[in-house]
Amino acid sequence: MTTPGPTTTSMLLRGLVEQLDESFPGGERLAVLVEIRRLVEGEIGGEARTMTHRHASWADVGRKLGVSRQAAWERYHR
């Protein structure tokens, strides 16, 4: 299985947001975006913990997230 690159991922997400533009008026769109953010944050936290359980360091996790080791640990170690 190949991992999609940043361009492919960006295009996929932009397509999703365009669909939201067409499907949800005003404040409903914002509520949907907030829910998506909540779900994605949960997935990121779970993946960060999975990486460390598989012996990746918090520095490795931080690099993937574009933050410091300490920032990654503080946000996702629980």
PDB file of N, CA and C in Angstrom:
ATOM      1  N   MET A   1       0.843  -1.183   0.000  1.00  0.00           N
ATOM      2  CA  MET A   1       0.000   0.000   0.000  1.00  0.00           C
ATOM      3  C   MET A   1       0.888   1.245   0.000  1.00  0.00           C
ATOM      4  N   THR A   2       0.626   2.142  -0.915  1.00  0.00           N
ATOM      5  CA  THR A   2       1.426   3.367  -0.986  1.00  0.00           C
ATOM      6  C   THR A   2       0.752   4.486  -0.216  1.00  0.00           C
ATOM      7  N   THR A   3       1.564   5.285   0.430  1.00  0.00           N
ATOM      8  CA  THR A   3       1.057   6.428   1.175  1.00  0.00           C
ATOM      9  C   THR A   3       0.903   7.605   0.213  1.00  0.00           C
ATOM     10  N   PRO A   4      -0.268   8.259   0.210  1.00  0.00           N
ATOM     11  CA  PRO A   4      -0.430   9.408  -0.676  1.00  0.00           C
ATOM     12  C   PRO A   4       0.492  10.545  -0.247  1.00  0.00           C
ATOM     13  N   GLY A   5       1.019  11.253  -1.218  1.00  0.00           N
ATOM     14  CA  GLY A   5       1.893  12.386  -0.923  1.00  0.00           C
ATOM     15  C   GLY A   5       1.106  13.595  -0.485  1.00  0.00           C
ATOM     16  N   PRO A   6       1.805  14.648  -0.043  1.00  0.00           N
ATOM     17  CA  PRO A   6       1.133  15.857   0.432  1.00  0.00           C
ATOM     18  C   PRO A   6       0.207  16.475  -0.607  1.00  0.00           C
ATOM     19  N   THR A   7       0.606  16.467  -1.881  1.00  0.00           N
ATOM     20  CA  THR A   7      -0.232  17.064  -2.919  1.00  0.00           C
ATOM     21  C   THR A   7      -1.533  16.296  -3.065  1.00  0.00           C
ATOM     22  N   THR A   8      -1.454  14.970  -3.102  1.00  0.00           N
ATOM     23  CA  THR A   8      -2.647  14.135  -3.219  1.00  0.00           C
ATOM     24  C   THR A   8      -3.557  14.337  -2.013  1.00  0.00           C
ATOM     25  N   THR A   9      -2.971  14.369  -0.845  1.00  0.00           N
ATOM     26  CA  THR A   9      -3.750  14.563   0.379  1.00  0.00           C
ATOM     27  C   THR A   9      -4.422  15.932   0.381  1.00  0.00           C
ATOM     28  N   SER A  10      -3.686  16.968  -0.007  1.00  0.00           N
ATOM     29  CA  SER A  10      -4.257  18.316  -0.062  1.00  0.00           C
ATOM     30  C   SER A  10      -5.422  18.384  -1.041  1.00  0.00           C
ATOM     31  N   MET A  11      -5.260  17.749  -2.185  1.00  0.00           N
ATOM     32  CA  MET A  11      -6.331  17.749  -3.183  1.00  0.00           C
ATOM     33  C   MET A  11      -7.565  17.029  -2.643  1.00  0.00           C
ATOM     34  N   LEU A  12      -7.362  15.916  -1.976  1.00  0.00           N
ATOM     35  CA  LEU A  12      -8.463  15.161  -1.395  1.00  0.00           C
ATOM     36  C   LEU A  12      -9.211  16.008  -0.362  1.00  0.00           C
ATOM     37  N   LEU A  13      -8.459  16.658   0.518  1.00  0.00           N
ATOM     38  CA  LEU A  13      -9.082  17.481   1.559  1.00  0.00           C
ATOM     39  C   LEU A  13      -9.781  18.700   0.967  1.00  0.00           C
ATOM     40  N   ARG A  14      -9.177  19.310  -0.044  1.00  0.00           N
ATOM     41  CA  ARG A  14      -9.833  20.457  -0.694  1.00  0.00           C
ATOM     42  C   ARG A  14     -11.153  20.040  -1.330  1.00  0.00           C
ATOM     43  N   GLY A  15     -11.158  18.849  -1.934  1.00  0.00           N
ATOM     44  CA  GLY A  15     -12.400  18.333  -2.520  1.00  0.00           C
ATOM     45  C   GLY A  15     -13.472  18.151  -1.457  1.00  0.00           C
ATOM     46  N   LEU A  16     -13.075  17.651  -0.308  1.00  0.00           N
ATOM     47  CA  LEU A  16     -14.013  17.479   0.803  1.00  0.00           C
ATOM     48  C   LEU A  16     -14.579  18.825   1.243  1.00  0.00           C
ATOM     49  N   VAL A  17     -13.714  19.812   1.392  1.00  0.00           N
ATOM     50  CA  VAL A  17     -14.155  21.141   1.824  1.00  0.00           C
ATOM     51  C   VAL A  17     -15.073  21.769   0.773  1.00  0.00           C
ATOM     52  N   GLU A  18     -14.783  21.571  -0.494  1.00  0.00           N
ATOM     53  CA  GLU A  18     -15.664  22.085  -1.546  1.00  0.00           C
ATOM     54  C   GLU A  18     -17.046  21.456  -1.445  1.00  0.00           C
ATOM     55  N   GLN A  19     -17.096  20.177  -1.122  1.00  0.00           N
ATOM     56  CA  GLN A  19     -18.391  19.520  -0.942  1.00  0.00           C
ATOM     57  C   GLN A  19     -19.133  20.118   0.245  1.00  0.00           C
ATOM     58  N   LEU A  20     -18.399  20.464   1.293  1.00  0.00           N
ATOM     59  CA  LEU A  20     -19.031  21.111   2.444  1.00  0.00           C
ATOM     60  C   LEU A  20     -19.616  22.450   2.042  1.00  0.00           C
ATOM     61  N   ASP A  21     -18.871  23.194   1.209  1.00  0.00           N
ATOM     62  CA  ASP A  21     -19.350  24.496   0.745  1.00  0.00           C
ATOM     63  C   ASP A  21     -20.713  24.364   0.081  1.00  0.00           C
ATOM     64  N   GLU A  22     -20.902  23.278  -0.655  1.00  0.00           N
ATOM     65  CA  GLU A  22     -22.137  23.077  -1.392  1.00  0.00           C
ATOM     66  C   GLU A  22     -23.242  22.468  -0.532  1.00  0.00           C
ATOM     67  N   SER A  23     -22.883  21.777   0.524  1.00  0.00           N
ATOM     68  CA  SER A  23     -23.862  21.009   1.290  1.00  0.00           C
ATOM     69  C   SER A  23     -24.346  21.657   2.580  1.00  0.00           C
ATOM     70  N   PHE A  24     -23.527  22.523   3.173  1.00  0.00           N
ATOM     71  CA  PHE A  24     -23.873  23.071   4.480  1.00  0.00           C
ATOM     72  C   PHE A  24     -23.812  24.595   4.450  1.00  0.00           C
ATOM     73  N   PRO A  25     -24.936  25.247   4.721  1.00  0.00           N
ATOM     74  CA  PRO A  25     -24.931  26.715   4.730  1.00  0.00           C
ATOM     75  C   PRO A  25     -24.332  27.268   6.025  1.00  0.00           C
ATOM     76  N   GLY A  26     -23.703  28.424   5.922  1.00  0.00           N
ATOM     77  CA  GLY A  26     -23.239  29.223   7.048  1.00  0.00           C
ATOM     78  C   GLY A  26     -22.686  28.491   8.244  1.00  0.00           C
ATOM     79  N   GLY A  27     -23.331  28.661   9.389  1.00  0.00           N
ATOM     80  CA  GLY A  27     -22.871  28.115  10.658  1.00  0.00           C
ATOM     81  C   GLY A  27     -22.825  26.596  10.703  1.00  0.00           C
ATOM     82  N   GLU A  28     -23.668  25.947   9.895  1.00  0.00           N
ATOM     83  CA  GLU A  28     -23.621  24.475   9.864  1.00  0.00           C
ATOM     84  C   GLU A  28     -22.284  23.994   9.319  1.00  0.00           C
ATOM     85  N   ARG A  29     -21.759  24.681   8.323  1.00  0.00           N
ATOM     86  CA  ARG A  29     -20.455  24.319   7.749  1.00  0.00           C
ATOM     87  C   ARG A  29     -19.371  24.421   8.813  1.00  0.00           C
ATOM     88  N   LEU A  30     -19.402  25.492   9.601  1.00  0.00           N
ATOM     89  CA  LEU A  30     -18.413  25.660  10.665  1.00  0.00           C
ATOM     90  C   LEU A  30     -18.511  24.515  11.674  1.00  0.00           C
ATOM     91  N   ALA A  31     -19.719  24.144  12.049  1.00  0.00           N
ATOM     92  CA  ALA A  31     -19.902  23.046  12.996  1.00  0.00           C
ATOM     93  C   ALA A  31     -19.336  21.739  12.438  1.00  0.00           C
ATOM     94  N   VAL A  32     -19.528  21.498  11.146  1.00  0.00           N
ATOM     95  CA  VAL A  32     -18.985  20.287  10.519  1.00  0.00           C
ATOM     96  C   VAL A  32     -17.461  20.335  10.521  1.00  0.00           C
ATOM     97  N   LEU A  33     -16.866  21.481  10.196  1.00  0.00           N
ATOM     98  CA  LEU A  33     -15.407  21.618  10.202  1.00  0.00           C
ATOM     99  C   LEU A  33     -14.836  21.392  11.601  1.00  0.00           C
ATOM    100  N   VAL A  34     -15.510  21.886  12.630  1.00  0.00           N
ATOM    101  CA  VAL A  34     -15.056  21.677  14.009  1.00  0.00           C
ATOM    102  C   VAL A  34     -15.104  20.192  14.357  1.00  0.00           C
ATOM    103  N   GLU A  35     -16.148  19.500  13.933  1.00  0.00           N
ATOM    104  CA  GLU A  35     -16.250  18.060  14.193  1.00  0.00           C
ATOM    105  C   GLU A  35     -15.151  17.300  13.456  1.00  0.00           C
ATOM    106  N   ILE A  36     -14.870  17.686  12.221  1.00  0.00           N
ATOM    107  CA  ILE A  36     -13.782  17.052  11.470  1.00  0.00           C
ATOM    108  C   ILE A  36     -12.465  17.264  12.199  1.00  0.00           C
ATOM    109  N   ARG A  37     -12.227  18.484  12.679  1.00  0.00           N
ATOM    110  CA  ARG A  37     -10.988  18.765  13.410  1.00  0.00           C
ATOM    111  C   ARG A  37     -10.886  17.889  14.657  1.00  0.00           C
ATOM    112  N   ARG A  38     -11.986  17.738  15.382  1.00  0.00           N
ATOM    113  CA  ARG A  38     -11.995  16.910  16.591  1.00  0.00           C
ATOM    114  C   ARG A  38     -11.651  15.456  16.257  1.00  0.00           C
ATOM    115  N   LEU A  39     -12.265  14.943  15.198  1.00  0.00           N
ATOM    116  CA  LEU A  39     -11.997  13.563  14.795  1.00  0.00           C
ATOM    117  C   LEU A  39     -10.547  13.383  14.348  1.00  0.00           C
ATOM    118  N   VAL A  40     -10.036  14.329  13.568  1.00  0.00           N
ATOM    119  CA  VAL A  40      -8.659  14.234  13.081  1.00  0.00           C
ATOM    120  C   VAL A  40      -7.679  14.325  14.249  1.00  0.00           C
ATOM    121  N   GLU A  41      -7.920  15.224  15.184  1.00  0.00           N
ATOM    122  CA  GLU A  41      -7.042  15.339  16.357  1.00  0.00           C
ATOM    123  C   GLU A  41      -7.008  14.027  17.138  1.00  0.00           C
ATOM    124  N   GLY A  42      -8.162  13.381  17.272  1.00  0.00           N
ATOM    125  CA  GLY A  42      -8.198  12.090  17.955  1.00  0.00           C
ATOM    126  C   GLY A  42      -7.377  11.042  17.219  1.00  0.00           C
ATOM    127  N   GLU A  43      -7.476  11.040  15.897  1.00  0.00           N
ATOM    128  CA  GLU A  43      -6.700  10.095  15.091  1.00  0.00           C
ATOM    129  C   GLU A  43      -5.207  10.384  15.195  1.00  0.00           C
ATOM    130  N   ILE A  44      -4.834  11.657  15.185  1.00  0.00           N
ATOM    131  CA  ILE A  44      -3.423  12.028  15.310  1.00  0.00           C
ATOM    132  C   ILE A  44      -2.877  11.568  16.659  1.00  0.00           C
ATOM    133  N   GLY A  45      -3.634  11.814  17.713  1.00  0.00           N
ATOM    134  CA  GLY A  45      -3.204  11.378  19.048  1.00  0.00           C
ATOM    135  C   GLY A  45      -3.042   9.875  19.129  1.00  0.00           C
ATOM    136  N   GLY A  46      -3.990   9.149  18.574  1.00  0.00           N
ATOM    137  CA  GLY A  46      -3.900   7.693  18.571  1.00  0.00           C
ATOM    138  C   GLY A  46      -2.703   7.201  17.780  1.00  0.00           C
ATOM    139  N   GLU A  47      -2.452   7.829  16.641  1.00  0.00           N
ATOM    140  CA  GLU A  47      -1.309   7.417  15.822  1.00  0.00           C
ATOM    141  C   GLU A  47       0.008   7.753  16.512  1.00  0.00           C
ATOM    142  N   ALA A  48       0.071   8.896  17.177  1.00  0.00           N
ATOM    143  CA  ALA A  48       1.288   9.273  17.913  1.00  0.00           C
ATOM    144  C   ALA A  48       1.582   8.245  19.003  1.00  0.00           C
ATOM    145  N   ARG A  49       0.553   7.850  19.744  1.00  0.00           N
ATOM    146  CA  ARG A  49       0.753   6.844  20.798  1.00  0.00           C
ATOM    147  C   ARG A  49       1.117   5.485  20.208  1.00  0.00           C
ATOM    148  N   THR A  50       0.510   5.121  19.088  1.00  0.00           N
ATOM    149  CA  THR A  50       0.857   3.867  18.418  1.00  0.00           C
ATOM    150  C   THR A  50       2.318   3.874  18.006  1.00  0.00           C
ATOM    151  N   MET A  51       2.776   4.986  17.444  1.00  0.00           N
ATOM    152  CA  MET A  51       4.187   5.080  17.039  1.00  0.00           C
ATOM    153  C   MET A  51       5.109   4.855  18.234  1.00  0.00           C
ATOM    154  N   THR A  52       4.790   5.483  19.370  1.00  0.00           N
ATOM    155  CA  THR A  52       5.679   5.321  20.530  1.00  0.00           C
ATOM    156  C   THR A  52       5.591   3.916  21.105  1.00  0.00           C
ATOM    157  N   HIS A  53       4.427   3.286  21.038  1.00  0.00           N
ATOM    158  CA  HIS A  53       4.311   1.900  21.497  1.00  0.00           C
ATOM    159  C   HIS A  53       5.105   0.961  20.605  1.00  0.00           C
ATOM    160  N   ARG A  54       5.320   1.386  19.364  1.00  0.00           N
ATOM    161  CA  ARG A  54       6.127   0.587  18.421  1.00  0.00           C
ATOM    162  C   ARG A  54       7.578   1.050  18.428  1.00  0.00           C
ATOM    163  N   HIS A  55       7.959   1.732  19.494  1.00  0.00           N
ATOM    164  CA  HIS A  55       9.351   2.116  19.769  1.00  0.00           C
ATOM    165  C   HIS A  55       9.855   3.324  18.993  1.00  0.00           C
ATOM    166  N   ALA A  56       8.969   4.122  18.401  1.00  0.00           N
ATOM    167  CA  ALA A  56       9.406   5.403  17.843  1.00  0.00           C
ATOM    168  C   ALA A  56       9.595   6.357  19.024  1.00  0.00           C
ATOM    169  N   SER A  57      10.477   7.294  18.891  1.00  0.00           N
ATOM    170  CA  SER A  57      10.687   8.268  19.964  1.00  0.00           C
ATOM    171  C   SER A  57       9.705   9.429  19.797  1.00  0.00           C
ATOM    172  N   TRP A  58       9.551  10.190  20.866  1.00  0.00           N
ATOM    173  CA  TRP A  58       8.717  11.386  20.772  1.00  0.00           C
ATOM    174  C   TRP A  58       9.357  12.408  19.832  1.00  0.00           C
ATOM    175  N   ALA A  59      10.663  12.355  19.668  1.00  0.00           N
ATOM    176  CA  ALA A  59      11.333  13.213  18.682  1.00  0.00           C
ATOM    177  C   ALA A  59      10.889  12.818  17.271  1.00  0.00           C
ATOM    178  N   ASP A  60      10.768  11.506  17.009  1.00  0.00           N
ATOM    179  CA  ASP A  60      10.275  11.035  15.707  1.00  0.00           C
ATOM    180  C   ASP A  60       8.851  11.525  15.465  1.00  0.00           C
ATOM    181  N   VAL A  61       8.013  11.392  16.475  1.00  0.00           N
ATOM    182  CA  VAL A  61       6.627  11.842  16.372  1.00  0.00           C
ATOM    183  C   VAL A  61       6.595  13.344  16.117  1.00  0.00           C
ATOM    184  N   GLY A  62       7.371  14.090  16.879  1.00  0.00           N
ATOM    185  CA  GLY A  62       7.421  15.539  16.702  1.00  0.00           C
ATOM    186  C   GLY A  62       7.839  15.937  15.303  1.00  0.00           C
ATOM    187  N   ARG A  63       8.837  15.240  14.741  1.00  0.00           N
ATOM    188  CA  ARG A  63       9.276  15.532  13.365  1.00  0.00           C
ATOM    189  C   ARG A  63       8.136  15.342  12.380  1.00  0.00           C
ATOM    190  N   LYS A  64       7.394  14.243  12.530  1.00  0.00           N
ATOM    191  CA  LYS A  64       6.255  13.986  11.632  1.00  0.00           C
ATOM    192  C   LYS A  64       5.185  15.058  11.762  1.00  0.00           C
ATOM    193  N   LEU A  65       5.015  15.585  12.977  1.00  0.00           N
ATOM    194  CA  LEU A  65       3.999  16.609  13.226  1.00  0.00           C
ATOM    195  C   LEU A  65       4.496  18.024  12.950  1.00  0.00           C
ATOM    196  N   GLY A  66       5.808  18.169  12.779  1.00  0.00           N
ATOM    197  CA  GLY A  66       6.364  19.506  12.555  1.00  0.00           C
ATOM    198  C   GLY A  66       6.474  20.324  13.829  1.00  0.00           C
ATOM    199  N   VAL A  67       6.626  19.619  14.964  1.00  0.00           N
ATOM    200  CA  VAL A  67       6.760  20.288  16.262  1.00  0.00           C
ATOM    201  C   VAL A  67       7.934  19.661  17.014  1.00  0.00           C
ATOM    202  N   SER A  68       8.267  20.226  18.149  1.00  0.00           N
ATOM    203  CA  SER A  68       9.354  19.668  18.959  1.00  0.00           C
ATOM    204  C   SER A  68       8.913  18.381  19.644  1.00  0.00           C
ATOM    205  N   ARG A  69       9.893  17.622  20.119  1.00  0.00           N
ATOM    206  CA  ARG A  69       9.633  16.403  20.887  1.00  0.00           C
ATOM    207  C   ARG A  69       8.758  16.727  22.095  1.00  0.00           C
ATOM    208  N   GLN A  70       9.115  17.809  22.794  1.00  0.00           N
ATOM    209  CA  GLN A  70       8.380  18.177  23.994  1.00  0.00           C
ATOM    210  C   GLN A  70       6.932  18.548  23.671  1.00  0.00           C
ATOM    211  N   ALA A  71       6.721  19.298  22.599  1.00  0.00           N
ATOM    212  CA  ALA A  71       5.358  19.690  22.217  1.00  0.00           C
ATOM    213  C   ALA A  71       4.523  18.461  21.865  1.00  0.00           C
ATOM    214  N   ALA A  72       5.121  17.513  21.139  1.00  0.00           N
ATOM    215  CA  ALA A  72       4.400  16.282  20.785  1.00  0.00           C
ATOM    216  C   ALA A  72       4.032  15.507  22.045  1.00  0.00           C
ATOM    217  N   TRP A  73       4.999  15.349  22.959  1.00  0.00           N
ATOM    218  CA  TRP A  73       4.737  14.597  24.192  1.00  0.00           C
ATOM    219  C   TRP A  73       3.652  15.270  25.026  1.00  0.00           C
ATOM    220  N   GLU A  74       3.753  16.595  25.186  1.00  0.00           N
ATOM    221  CA  GLU A  74       2.777  17.313  26.018  1.00  0.00           C
ATOM    222  C   GLU A  74       1.362  17.175  25.472  1.00  0.00           C
ATOM    223  N   ARG A  75       1.233  17.158  24.165  1.00  0.00           N
ATOM    224  CA  ARG A  75      -0.103  17.111  23.586  1.00  0.00           C
ATOM    225  C   ARG A  75      -0.682  15.699  23.513  1.00  0.00           C
ATOM    226  N   TYR A  76       0.169  14.694  23.262  1.00  0.00           N
ATOM    227  CA  TYR A  76      -0.364  13.379  22.909  1.00  0.00           C
ATOM    228  C   TYR A  76       0.032  12.220  23.818  1.00  0.00           C
ATOM    229  N   HIS A  77       0.770  12.428  24.875  1.00  0.00           N
ATOM    230  CA  HIS A  77       1.258  11.285  25.658  1.00  0.00           C
ATOM    231  C   HIS A  77       0.191  10.544  26.436  1.00  0.00           C
ATOM    232  N   ARG A  78      -0.949  11.116  26.675  1.00  0.00           N
ATOM    233  CA  ARG A  78      -2.008  10.460  27.473  1.00  0.00           C
ATOM    234  C   ARG A  78      -2.733   9.382  26.733  1.00  0.00           C
TER     235      ARG A  78
END
